[in-house]
Amino acid sequence: MTTVAILAMPRVYALDVSIPEHVFGRHPGYRVVVRGDVSGGAPLADVESADIVVVPGYEDPHVPVPDEYLKALRIAVERGARVVAICTGVFALAACGILNEKSATTHWHHTDELRLAYPCVDVVDNRLFVEDGAILTCAGGGAGMDACLHVVERDFGATAADGVAKELVFSSARGANEPQYRDVPTPPRDSLRATREWVLDNLGTSITVQQLAGHSLLSRRTLIRRFVRETGLPPMQWVALQRILHARRLLEASDWSVERIAGATGFGSAANFRTIFRREVGVTPTAYRKSHG
């Protein structure tokens, strides 16, 4: 059982507490506790010993938080806990010094403030979430949902994360590279959603940028520009990630051979599939199936 401690700072945003409480609470592999400002004086020892510590956002992040909160957070990190910071919760991590020389993000409204207050932090603009080692930081409430589902996927697999998302009536988690916002709104008629859905229906076939451009009735250059704007990734990189995700789901939920999965996900040969899967996921398909099947 993985213990998730939600550390609610003073002036905490209630929504940022309820999001991780709901996401992790929907999977039996997690035990969720809430400690801090909304826990009625419950001790912070559960934070210090937790496997995952979630720090929700809070108002006025420039105002220092009590030392006992920062101490509990430091102890947790020093003993190897993973940390998820939602929105302005990243300021508490930075105040502890655990973000020094690490990459992090926050809600776009606070990125300049974070950069100015903590110059040792590599602040990434306009990203849903950023993962640097055991530290995951994200933007506002919606991105908190994506970040927590990302953790579920890492811990228990894509199928488990899909199940949690379905229970929450939420789409599967968006990728970390997707932007928080777009300066130029994209009219609905220009959305590439239909083209992306076509890709998902045809992952077992050869897919090229030119095919995507043809399907969307756009020039190759325009297709690439709009694809990056909508997904945060170049088209073929996005396609490759979808192939890997589909392969992970098949490894988790089916008894198909590696050869059959390689064909169904567009990787061609089993050897090519094993090479790319290990490069992207960090383990072989067989090892992944043993740990997530």
C-alpha atoms as a PDB file:
ATOM      1  CA  MET A   1       0.000   0.000   0.000  1.00  0.00           C
ATOM      2  CA  THR A   2       1.374   3.394  -1.044  1.00  0.00           C
ATOM      3  CA  THR A   3       0.698   6.186   1.435  1.00  0.00           C
ATOM      4  CA  VAL A   4      -0.175   9.577  -0.055  1.00  0.00           C
ATOM      5  CA  ALA A   5      -0.042  12.488   2.384  1.00  0.00           C
ATOM      6  CA  ILE A   6      -1.676  15.723   1.256  1.00  0.00           C
ATOM      7  CA  LEU A   7       0.085  18.558   3.071  1.00  0.00           C
ATOM      8  CA  ALA A   8      -2.367  21.470   3.229  1.00  0.00           C
ATOM      9  CA  MET A   9      -0.541  24.722   3.827  1.00  0.00           C
ATOM     10  CA  PRO A  10      -2.236  27.672   5.553  1.00  0.00           C
ATOM     11  CA  ARG A  11      -4.499  29.546   3.099  1.00  0.00           C
ATOM     12  CA  VAL A  12      -4.793  26.361   1.043  1.00  0.00           C
ATOM     13  CA  TYR A  13      -7.031  26.177  -2.025  1.00  0.00           C
ATOM     14  CA  ALA A  14      -9.747  23.638  -1.209  1.00  0.00           C
ATOM     15  CA  LEU A  15      -9.938  22.482  -4.830  1.00  0.00           C
ATOM     16  CA  ASP A  16      -6.237  21.595  -4.843  1.00  0.00           C
ATOM     17  CA  VAL A  17      -6.816  19.370  -1.817  1.00  0.00           C
ATOM     18  CA  SER A  18      -9.861  17.608  -3.234  1.00  0.00           C
ATOM     19  CA  ILE A  19      -8.221  16.792  -6.585  1.00  0.00           C
ATOM     20  CA  PRO A  20      -5.432  14.490  -5.285  1.00  0.00           C
ATOM     21  CA  GLU A  21      -7.772  13.165  -2.588  1.00  0.00           C
ATOM     22  CA  HIS A  22     -10.245  12.060  -5.267  1.00  0.00           C
ATOM     23  CA  VAL A  23      -7.714  10.762  -7.815  1.00  0.00           C
ATOM     24  CA  PHE A  24      -5.592   8.674  -5.454  1.00  0.00           C
ATOM     25  CA  GLY A  25      -8.631   7.682  -3.414  1.00  0.00           C
ATOM     26  CA  ARG A  26     -10.102   5.959  -6.480  1.00  0.00           C
ATOM     27  CA  HIS A  27      -7.344   3.333  -6.595  1.00  0.00           C
ATOM     28  CA  PRO A  28      -7.045   0.619  -3.923  1.00  0.00           C
ATOM     29  CA  GLY A  29      -3.268   0.763  -4.065  1.00  0.00           C
ATOM     30  CA  TYR A  30      -3.202   4.095  -2.239  1.00  0.00           C
ATOM     31  CA  ARG A  31      -3.912   5.128   1.325  1.00  0.00           C
ATOM     32  CA  VAL A  32      -4.676   8.855   1.405  1.00  0.00           C
ATOM     33  CA  VAL A  33      -4.370  11.128   4.438  1.00  0.00           C
ATOM     34  CA  VAL A  34      -4.799  14.893   4.664  1.00  0.00           C
ATOM     35  CA  ARG A  35      -2.600  16.748   7.098  1.00  0.00           C
ATOM     36  CA  GLY A  36      -1.915  20.384   7.870  1.00  0.00           C
ATOM     37  CA  ASP A  37      -4.268  23.331   7.875  1.00  0.00           C
ATOM     38  CA  VAL A  38      -7.481  21.396   7.212  1.00  0.00           C
ATOM     39  CA  SER A  39      -6.827  18.302   9.340  1.00  0.00           C
ATOM     40  CA  GLY A  40      -7.918  19.641  12.727  1.00  0.00           C
ATOM     41  CA  GLY A  41      -4.475  19.541  14.270  1.00  0.00           C
ATOM     42  CA  ALA A  42      -3.501  16.028  13.165  1.00  0.00           C
ATOM     43  CA  PRO A  43       0.250  15.501  13.533  1.00  0.00           C
ATOM     44  CA  LEU A  44       2.546  15.902  10.529  1.00  0.00           C
ATOM     45  CA  ALA A  45       4.364  12.629  11.198  1.00  0.00           C
ATOM     46  CA  ASP A  46       2.288  10.977   8.468  1.00  0.00           C
ATOM     47  CA  VAL A  47       3.795  13.460   6.019  1.00  0.00           C
ATOM     48  CA  GLU A  48       7.322  12.657   7.088  1.00  0.00           C
ATOM     49  CA  SER A  49       6.786   8.917   6.579  1.00  0.00           C
ATOM     50  CA  ALA A  50       4.632   9.063   3.422  1.00  0.00           C
ATOM     51  CA  ASP A  51       5.624   7.510   0.101  1.00  0.00           C
ATOM     52  CA  ILE A  52       4.122  10.428  -1.838  1.00  0.00           C
ATOM     53  CA  VAL A  53       3.589  13.956  -0.521  1.00  0.00           C
ATOM     54  CA  VAL A  54       1.191  16.248  -2.369  1.00  0.00           C
ATOM     55  CA  VAL A  55       1.464  19.979  -1.698  1.00  0.00           C
ATOM     56  CA  PRO A  56      -1.684  21.791  -2.895  1.00  0.00           C
ATOM     57  CA  GLY A  57      -1.663  25.417  -3.956  1.00  0.00           C
ATOM     58  CA  TYR A  58      -2.332  28.206  -1.452  1.00  0.00           C
ATOM     59  CA  GLU A  59      -3.019  31.928  -1.473  1.00  0.00           C
ATOM     60  CA  ASP A  60      -0.267  34.524  -1.094  1.00  0.00           C
ATOM     61  CA  PRO A  61       2.665  32.178  -1.795  1.00  0.00           C
ATOM     62  CA  HIS A  62       5.131  34.962  -0.998  1.00  0.00           C
ATOM     63  CA  VAL A  63       4.036  34.795   2.668  1.00  0.00           C
ATOM     64  CA  PRO A  64       6.235  32.292   4.563  1.00  0.00           C
ATOM     65  CA  VAL A  65       4.578  29.088   5.761  1.00  0.00           C
ATOM     66  CA  PRO A  66       5.202  27.660   9.252  1.00  0.00           C
ATOM     67  CA  ASP A  67       8.557  25.992   9.773  1.00  0.00           C
ATOM     68  CA  GLU A  68       6.983  22.716  10.895  1.00  0.00           C
ATOM     69  CA  TYR A  69       5.415  22.275   7.456  1.00  0.00           C
ATOM     70  CA  LEU A  70       8.721  22.830   5.691  1.00  0.00           C
ATOM     71  CA  LYS A  71      10.497  20.543   8.155  1.00  0.00           C
ATOM     72  CA  ALA A  72       8.032  17.714   7.484  1.00  0.00           C
ATOM     73  CA  LEU A  73       8.472  18.208   3.754  1.00  0.00           C
ATOM     74  CA  ARG A  74      12.290  18.137   4.002  1.00  0.00           C
ATOM     75  CA  ILE A  75      12.253  14.972   6.120  1.00  0.00           C
ATOM     76  CA  ALA A  76       9.962  13.253   3.627  1.00  0.00           C
ATOM     77  CA  VAL A  77      12.204  14.149   0.681  1.00  0.00           C
ATOM     78  CA  GLU A  78      15.378  13.160   2.510  1.00  0.00           C
ATOM     79  CA  ARG A  79      13.973   9.703   3.187  1.00  0.00           C
ATOM     80  CA  GLY A  80      13.052   9.260  -0.474  1.00  0.00           C
ATOM     81  CA  ALA A  81       9.423  10.335  -0.815  1.00  0.00           C
ATOM     82  CA  ARG A  82       8.079  11.521  -4.142  1.00  0.00           C
ATOM     83  CA  VAL A  83       6.529  14.977  -4.157  1.00  0.00           C
ATOM     84  CA  VAL A  84       3.727  16.475  -6.257  1.00  0.00           C
ATOM     85  CA  ALA A  85       3.231  20.248  -6.036  1.00  0.00           C
ATOM     86  CA  ILE A  86       0.049  21.741  -7.463  1.00  0.00           C
ATOM     87  CA  CYS A  87      -0.037  25.378  -8.548  1.00  0.00           C
ATOM     88  CA  THR A  88       1.561  27.606  -5.869  1.00  0.00           C
ATOM     89  CA  GLY A  89       2.473  24.578  -3.778  1.00  0.00           C
ATOM     90  CA  VAL A  90       5.764  24.757  -5.672  1.00  0.00           C
ATOM     91  CA  PHE A  91       6.720  27.787  -3.562  1.00  0.00           C
ATOM     92  CA  ALA A  92       6.834  25.609  -0.435  1.00  0.00           C
ATOM     93  CA  LEU A  93       9.178  23.188  -2.218  1.00  0.00           C
ATOM     94  CA  ALA A  94      11.389  26.056  -3.315  1.00  0.00           C
ATOM     95  CA  ALA A  95      11.451  27.490   0.205  1.00  0.00           C
ATOM     96  CA  CYS A  96      12.775  24.125   1.429  1.00  0.00           C
ATOM     97  CA  GLY A  97      15.636  24.289  -1.053  1.00  0.00           C
ATOM     98  CA  ILE A  98      14.658  20.957  -2.625  1.00  0.00           C
ATOM     99  CA  LEU A  99      14.131  22.594  -6.029  1.00  0.00           C
ATOM    100  CA  ASN A 100      17.598  24.098  -6.280  1.00  0.00           C
ATOM    101  CA  GLU A 101      19.073  23.298  -9.716  1.00  0.00           C
ATOM    102  CA  LYS A 102      15.871  21.459 -10.653  1.00  0.00           C
ATOM    103  CA  SER A 103      13.242  22.213 -13.280  1.00  0.00           C
ATOM    104  CA  ALA A 104       9.757  23.151 -12.135  1.00  0.00           C
ATOM    105  CA  THR A 105       6.606  24.891 -13.271  1.00  0.00           C
ATOM    106  CA  THR A 106       3.560  26.509 -11.717  1.00  0.00           C
ATOM    107  CA  HIS A 107       0.437  28.364 -12.791  1.00  0.00           C
ATOM    108  CA  TRP A 108       1.371  30.870 -15.500  1.00  0.00           C
ATOM    109  CA  HIS A 109       0.250  33.734 -13.262  1.00  0.00           C
ATOM    110  CA  HIS A 110       3.053  32.927 -10.794  1.00  0.00           C
ATOM    111  CA  THR A 111       5.977  31.830 -12.987  1.00  0.00           C
ATOM    112  CA  ASP A 112       7.715  35.232 -12.983  1.00  0.00           C
ATOM    113  CA  GLU A 113       7.227  35.543  -9.236  1.00  0.00           C
ATOM    114  CA  LEU A 114       8.733  32.094  -8.702  1.00  0.00           C
ATOM    115  CA  ARG A 115      11.672  32.865 -10.970  1.00  0.00           C
ATOM    116  CA  LEU A 116      12.394  36.142  -9.186  1.00  0.00           C
ATOM    117  CA  ALA A 117      12.076  34.735  -5.667  1.00  0.00           C
ATOM    118  CA  TYR A 118      14.091  31.549  -6.331  1.00  0.00           C
ATOM    119  CA  PRO A 119      16.731  32.106  -9.019  1.00  0.00           C
ATOM    120  CA  CYS A 120      18.254  28.658  -8.350  1.00  0.00           C
ATOM    121  CA  VAL A 121      15.117  27.009  -9.737  1.00  0.00           C
ATOM    122  CA  ASP A 122      14.869  26.388 -13.478  1.00  0.00           C
ATOM    123  CA  VAL A 123      11.326  27.680 -14.015  1.00  0.00           C
ATOM    124  CA  VAL A 124       9.631  26.239 -17.113  1.00  0.00           C
ATOM    125  CA  ASP A 125       6.943  28.418 -18.667  1.00  0.00           C
ATOM    126  CA  ASN A 126       3.585  27.271 -20.025  1.00  0.00           C
ATOM    127  CA  ARG A 127       3.772  23.544 -19.276  1.00  0.00           C
ATOM    128  CA  LEU A 128       1.062  21.410 -17.706  1.00  0.00           C
ATOM    129  CA  PHE A 129       3.546  19.647 -15.475  1.00  0.00           C
ATOM    130  CA  VAL A 130       7.278  19.086 -15.154  1.00  0.00           C
ATOM    131  CA  GLU A 131       8.896  15.969 -13.685  1.00  0.00           C
ATOM    132  CA  ASP A 132      12.462  16.214 -12.436  1.00  0.00           C
ATOM    133  CA  GLY A 133      13.524  13.080 -10.626  1.00  0.00           C
ATOM    134  CA  ALA A 134      11.178  12.459  -7.690  1.00  0.00           C
ATOM    135  CA  ILE A 135       9.679  15.955  -7.896  1.00  0.00           C
ATOM    136  CA  LEU A 136       6.608  16.681 -10.038  1.00  0.00           C
ATOM    137  CA  THR A 137       5.282  20.237 -10.269  1.00  0.00           C
ATOM    138  CA  CYS A 138       2.231  21.378 -12.204  1.00  0.00           C
ATOM    139  CA  ALA A 139       0.024  24.320 -13.066  1.00  0.00           C
ATOM    140  CA  GLY A 140      -3.477  24.976 -11.689  1.00  0.00           C
ATOM    141  CA  GLY A 141      -6.251  22.603 -10.633  1.00  0.00           C
ATOM    142  CA  GLY A 142      -6.886  20.984 -14.020  1.00  0.00           C
ATOM    143  CA  ALA A 143      -3.204  20.243 -14.448  1.00  0.00           C
ATOM    144  CA  GLY A 144      -3.247  18.758 -10.944  1.00  0.00           C
ATOM    145  CA  MET A 145      -5.653  16.121 -12.227  1.00  0.00           C
ATOM    146  CA  ASP A 146      -3.286  15.326 -15.103  1.00  0.00           C
ATOM    147  CA  ALA A 147      -0.283  15.166 -12.763  1.00  0.00           C
ATOM    148  CA  CYS A 148      -1.986  12.819 -10.289  1.00  0.00           C
ATOM    149  CA  LEU A 149      -3.186  10.531 -13.089  1.00  0.00           C
ATOM    150  CA  HIS A 150       0.392  10.521 -14.399  1.00  0.00           C
ATOM    151  CA  VAL A 151       1.535   9.225 -10.998  1.00  0.00           C
ATOM    152  CA  VAL A 152      -1.143   6.501 -11.031  1.00  0.00           C
ATOM    153  CA  GLU A 153      -0.006   5.500 -14.509  1.00  0.00           C
ATOM    154  CA  ARG A 154       3.621   5.300 -13.365  1.00  0.00           C
ATOM    155  CA  ASP A 155       2.711   3.239 -10.307  1.00  0.00           C
ATOM    156  CA  PHE A 156       0.049   0.898 -11.646  1.00  0.00           C
ATOM    157  CA  GLY A 157       0.022   1.246 -15.423  1.00  0.00           C
ATOM    158  CA  ALA A 158      -1.949   2.984 -18.144  1.00  0.00           C
ATOM    159  CA  THR A 159      -5.001   0.748 -17.751  1.00  0.00           C
ATOM    160  CA  ALA A 160      -5.280   1.619 -14.057  1.00  0.00           C
ATOM    161  CA  ALA A 161      -4.960   5.342 -14.817  1.00  0.00           C
ATOM    162  CA  ASP A 162      -7.638   5.002 -17.512  1.00  0.00           C
ATOM    163  CA  GLY A 163      -9.933   3.351 -14.967  1.00  0.00           C
ATOM    164  CA  VAL A 164      -9.432   6.139 -12.433  1.00  0.00           C
ATOM    165  CA  ALA A 165     -10.015   8.777 -15.110  1.00  0.00           C
ATOM    166  CA  LYS A 166     -13.219   7.019 -16.170  1.00  0.00           C
ATOM    167  CA  GLU A 167     -14.522   6.970 -12.602  1.00  0.00           C
ATOM    168  CA  LEU A 168     -13.826  10.693 -12.358  1.00  0.00           C
ATOM    169  CA  VAL A 169     -15.457  11.295 -15.773  1.00  0.00           C
ATOM    170  CA  PHE A 170     -12.158  12.741 -16.944  1.00  0.00           C
ATOM    171  CA  SER A 171     -10.287  12.104 -20.160  1.00  0.00           C
ATOM    172  CA  SER A 172      -6.998  10.225 -19.999  1.00  0.00           C
ATOM    173  CA  ALA A 173      -4.188  12.367 -18.672  1.00  0.00           C
ATOM    174  CA  ARG A 174      -2.733  14.906 -21.045  1.00  0.00           C
ATOM    175  CA  GLY A 175       1.010  14.866 -21.662  1.00  0.00           C
ATOM    176  CA  ALA A 176       3.431  17.017 -19.694  1.00  0.00           C
ATOM    177  CA  ASN A 177       4.449  18.981 -22.783  1.00  0.00           C
ATOM    178  CA  GLU A 178       0.989  20.314 -23.504  1.00  0.00           C
ATOM    179  CA  PRO A 179       0.758  24.074 -22.888  1.00  0.00           C
ATOM    180  CA  GLN A 180      -1.262  25.600 -20.057  1.00  0.00           C
ATOM    181  CA  TYR A 181      -2.719  28.141 -22.459  1.00  0.00           C
ATOM    182  CA  ARG A 182      -2.552  29.343 -26.046  1.00  0.00           C
ATOM    183  CA  ASP A 183      -2.004  32.997 -26.894  1.00  0.00           C
ATOM    184  CA  VAL A 184      -3.893  32.592 -30.186  1.00  0.00           C
ATOM    185  CA  PRO A 185      -7.185  30.718 -29.775  1.00  0.00           C
ATOM    186  CA  THR A 186      -7.758  27.955 -32.295  1.00  0.00           C
ATOM    187  CA  PRO A 187     -11.242  28.053 -33.869  1.00  0.00           C
ATOM    188  CA  PRO A 188     -13.134  24.752 -33.450  1.00  0.00           C
ATOM    189  CA  ARG A 189     -13.121  24.114 -37.199  1.00  0.00           C
ATOM    190  CA  ASP A 190      -9.312  24.192 -37.155  1.00  0.00           C
ATOM    191  CA  SER A 191      -8.956  21.635 -34.356  1.00  0.00           C
ATOM    192  CA  LEU A 192      -6.924  18.549 -35.219  1.00  0.00           C
ATOM    193  CA  ARG A 193      -8.957  16.346 -32.913  1.00  0.00           C
ATOM    194  CA  ALA A 194     -10.424  14.347 -35.804  1.00  0.00           C
ATOM    195  CA  THR A 195      -6.936  13.736 -37.196  1.00  0.00           C
ATOM    196  CA  ARG A 196      -5.629  12.623 -33.818  1.00  0.00           C
ATOM    197  CA  GLU A 197      -8.571  10.251 -33.448  1.00  0.00           C
ATOM    198  CA  TRP A 198      -7.776   8.864 -36.920  1.00  0.00           C
ATOM    199  CA  VAL A 199      -4.231   8.184 -35.743  1.00  0.00           C
ATOM    200  CA  LEU A 200      -5.495   6.294 -32.691  1.00  0.00           C
ATOM    201  CA  ASP A 201      -7.692   4.148 -34.938  1.00  0.00           C
ATOM    202  CA  ASN A 202      -4.771   3.354 -37.262  1.00  0.00           C
ATOM    203  CA  LEU A 203      -1.765   2.893 -34.974  1.00  0.00           C
ATOM    204  CA  GLY A 204      -1.016  -0.494 -36.531  1.00  0.00           C
ATOM    205  CA  THR A 205      -0.397   1.045 -39.941  1.00  0.00           C
ATOM    206  CA  SER A 206       2.360   3.207 -41.360  1.00  0.00           C
ATOM    207  CA  ILE A 207       1.669   6.866 -40.542  1.00  0.00           C
ATOM    208  CA  THR A 208       3.526   9.831 -42.014  1.00  0.00           C
ATOM    209  CA  VAL A 209       3.319  13.589 -41.592  1.00  0.00           C
ATOM    210  CA  GLN A 210       2.111  13.839 -45.171  1.00  0.00           C
ATOM    211  CA  GLN A 211      -0.780  11.473 -44.388  1.00  0.00           C
ATOM    212  CA  LEU A 212      -1.716  13.590 -41.375  1.00  0.00           C
ATOM    213  CA  ALA A 213      -1.613  16.740 -43.483  1.00  0.00           C
ATOM    214  CA  GLY A 214      -3.801  15.102 -46.114  1.00  0.00           C
ATOM    215  CA  HIS A 215      -6.319  13.883 -43.559  1.00  0.00           C
ATOM    216  CA  SER A 216      -6.588  17.353 -42.025  1.00  0.00           C
ATOM    217  CA  LEU A 217      -6.679  19.086 -45.435  1.00  0.00           C
ATOM    218  CA  LEU A 218      -3.716  21.242 -44.459  1.00  0.00           C
ATOM    219  CA  SER A 219      -0.287  21.854 -45.883  1.00  0.00           C
ATOM    220  CA  ARG A 220       2.532  19.951 -44.201  1.00  0.00           C
ATOM    221  CA  ARG A 221       3.931  23.136 -42.654  1.00  0.00           C
ATOM    222  CA  THR A 222       0.567  24.284 -41.309  1.00  0.00           C
ATOM    223  CA  LEU A 223      -0.192  20.827 -39.947  1.00  0.00           C
ATOM    224  CA  ILE A 224       3.065  20.733 -37.990  1.00  0.00           C
ATOM    225  CA  ARG A 225       2.557  24.234 -36.594  1.00  0.00           C
ATOM    226  CA  ARG A 226      -1.004  23.543 -35.442  1.00  0.00           C
ATOM    227  CA  PHE A 227      -0.112  20.113 -34.086  1.00  0.00           C
ATOM    228  CA  VAL A 228       2.592  21.558 -31.862  1.00  0.00           C
ATOM    229  CA  ARG A 229       0.225  24.321 -30.745  1.00  0.00           C
ATOM    230  CA  GLU A 230      -2.492  21.832 -29.756  1.00  0.00           C
ATOM    231  CA  THR A 231      -0.419  19.012 -28.259  1.00  0.00           C
ATOM    232  CA  GLY A 232       2.934  20.560 -27.391  1.00  0.00           C
ATOM    233  CA  LEU A 233       4.694  17.956 -29.544  1.00  0.00           C
ATOM    234  CA  PRO A 234       5.680  17.511 -33.208  1.00  0.00           C
ATOM    235  CA  PRO A 235       3.301  15.126 -35.013  1.00  0.00           C
ATOM    236  CA  MET A 236       5.514  12.048 -35.258  1.00  0.00           C
ATOM    237  CA  GLN A 237       6.722  12.362 -31.678  1.00  0.00           C
ATOM    238  CA  TRP A 238       3.094  12.422 -30.579  1.00  0.00           C
ATOM    239  CA  VAL A 239       2.340   9.380 -32.743  1.00  0.00           C
ATOM    240  CA  ALA A 240       5.269   7.497 -31.202  1.00  0.00           C
ATOM    241  CA  LEU A 241       4.006   8.258 -27.694  1.00  0.00           C
ATOM    242  CA  GLN A 242       0.544   6.967 -28.622  1.00  0.00           C
ATOM    243  CA  ARG A 243       2.088   3.753 -29.945  1.00  0.00           C
ATOM    244  CA  ILE A 244       3.962   3.254 -26.678  1.00  0.00           C
ATOM    245  CA  LEU A 245       0.858   3.988 -24.612  1.00  0.00           C
ATOM    246  CA  HIS A 246      -1.228   1.527 -26.634  1.00  0.00           C
ATOM    247  CA  ALA A 247       1.489  -1.087 -26.274  1.00  0.00           C
ATOM    248  CA  ARG A 248       1.554  -0.577 -22.516  1.00  0.00           C
ATOM    249  CA  ARG A 249      -2.194  -1.102 -22.311  1.00  0.00           C
ATOM    250  CA  LEU A 250      -1.970  -4.301 -24.347  1.00  0.00           C
ATOM    251  CA  LEU A 251       0.882  -5.608 -22.189  1.00  0.00           C
ATOM    252  CA  GLU A 252      -1.158  -4.884 -19.070  1.00  0.00           C
ATOM    253  CA  ALA A 253      -4.542  -6.192 -20.164  1.00  0.00           C
ATOM    254  CA  SER A 254      -3.968  -8.887 -22.818  1.00  0.00           C
ATOM    255  CA  ASP A 255      -2.042 -12.109 -23.269  1.00  0.00           C
ATOM    256  CA  TRP A 256      -0.894 -11.153 -26.756  1.00  0.00           C
ATOM    257  CA  SER A 257       2.635 -12.054 -27.710  1.00  0.00           C
ATOM    258  CA  VAL A 258       5.260  -9.353 -28.094  1.00  0.00           C
ATOM    259  CA  GLU A 259       5.233 -10.010 -31.845  1.00  0.00           C
ATOM    260  CA  ARG A 260       1.477  -9.449 -32.085  1.00  0.00           C
ATOM    261  CA  ILE A 261       1.646  -6.262 -30.007  1.00  0.00           C
ATOM    262  CA  ALA A 262       4.493  -4.960 -32.150  1.00  0.00           C
ATOM    263  CA  GLY A 263       2.332  -5.341 -35.236  1.00  0.00           C
ATOM    264  CA  ALA A 264      -0.804  -3.906 -33.647  1.00  0.00           C
ATOM    265  CA  THR A 265       1.001  -0.780 -32.485  1.00  0.00           C
ATOM    266  CA  GLY A 266       2.884  -0.044 -35.700  1.00  0.00           C
ATOM    267  CA  PHE A 267       6.377  -0.958 -34.534  1.00  0.00           C
ATOM    268  CA  GLY A 268       6.767  -3.671 -37.149  1.00  0.00           C
ATOM    269  CA  SER A 269       9.167  -6.289 -35.876  1.00  0.00           C
ATOM    270  CA  ALA A 270       9.389  -7.521 -32.310  1.00  0.00           C
ATOM    271  CA  ALA A 271      13.060  -6.544 -32.205  1.00  0.00           C
ATOM    272  CA  ASN A 272      12.285  -2.957 -33.173  1.00  0.00           C
ATOM    273  CA  PHE A 273       9.474  -2.852 -30.645  1.00  0.00           C
ATOM    274  CA  ARG A 274      11.684  -4.151 -27.818  1.00  0.00           C
ATOM    275  CA  THR A 275      14.406  -1.599 -28.608  1.00  0.00           C
ATOM    276  CA  ILE A 276      12.084   1.412 -28.724  1.00  0.00           C
ATOM    277  CA  PHE A 277       9.987   0.302 -25.747  1.00  0.00           C
ATOM    278  CA  ARG A 278      13.043  -0.157 -23.547  1.00  0.00           C
ATOM    279  CA  ARG A 279      14.430   3.208 -24.626  1.00  0.00           C
ATOM    280  CA  GLU A 280      11.182   5.043 -23.870  1.00  0.00           C
ATOM    281  CA  VAL A 281       9.879   3.146 -20.822  1.00  0.00           C
ATOM    282  CA  GLY A 282      13.134   1.995 -19.262  1.00  0.00           C
ATOM    283  CA  VAL A 283      12.347  -1.742 -19.156  1.00  0.00           C
ATOM    284  CA  THR A 284      11.692  -4.500 -21.685  1.00  0.00           C
ATOM    285  CA  PRO A 285       8.098  -5.314 -22.702  1.00  0.00           C
ATOM    286  CA  THR A 286       8.328  -8.635 -20.814  1.00  0.00           C
ATOM    287  CA  ALA A 287       9.545  -6.967 -17.633  1.00  0.00           C
ATOM    288  CA  TYR A 288       6.815  -4.329 -17.932  1.00  0.00           C
ATOM    289  CA  ARG A 289       4.145  -7.022 -18.275  1.00  0.00           C
ATOM    290  CA  LYS A 290       5.425  -8.861 -15.200  1.00  0.00           C
ATOM    291  CA  SER A 291       5.218  -5.716 -13.057  1.00  0.00           C
ATOM    292  CA  HIS A 292       1.948  -4.329 -14.449  1.00  0.00           C
ATOM    293  CA  GLY A 293       0.059  -7.303 -15.836  1.00  0.00           C
END
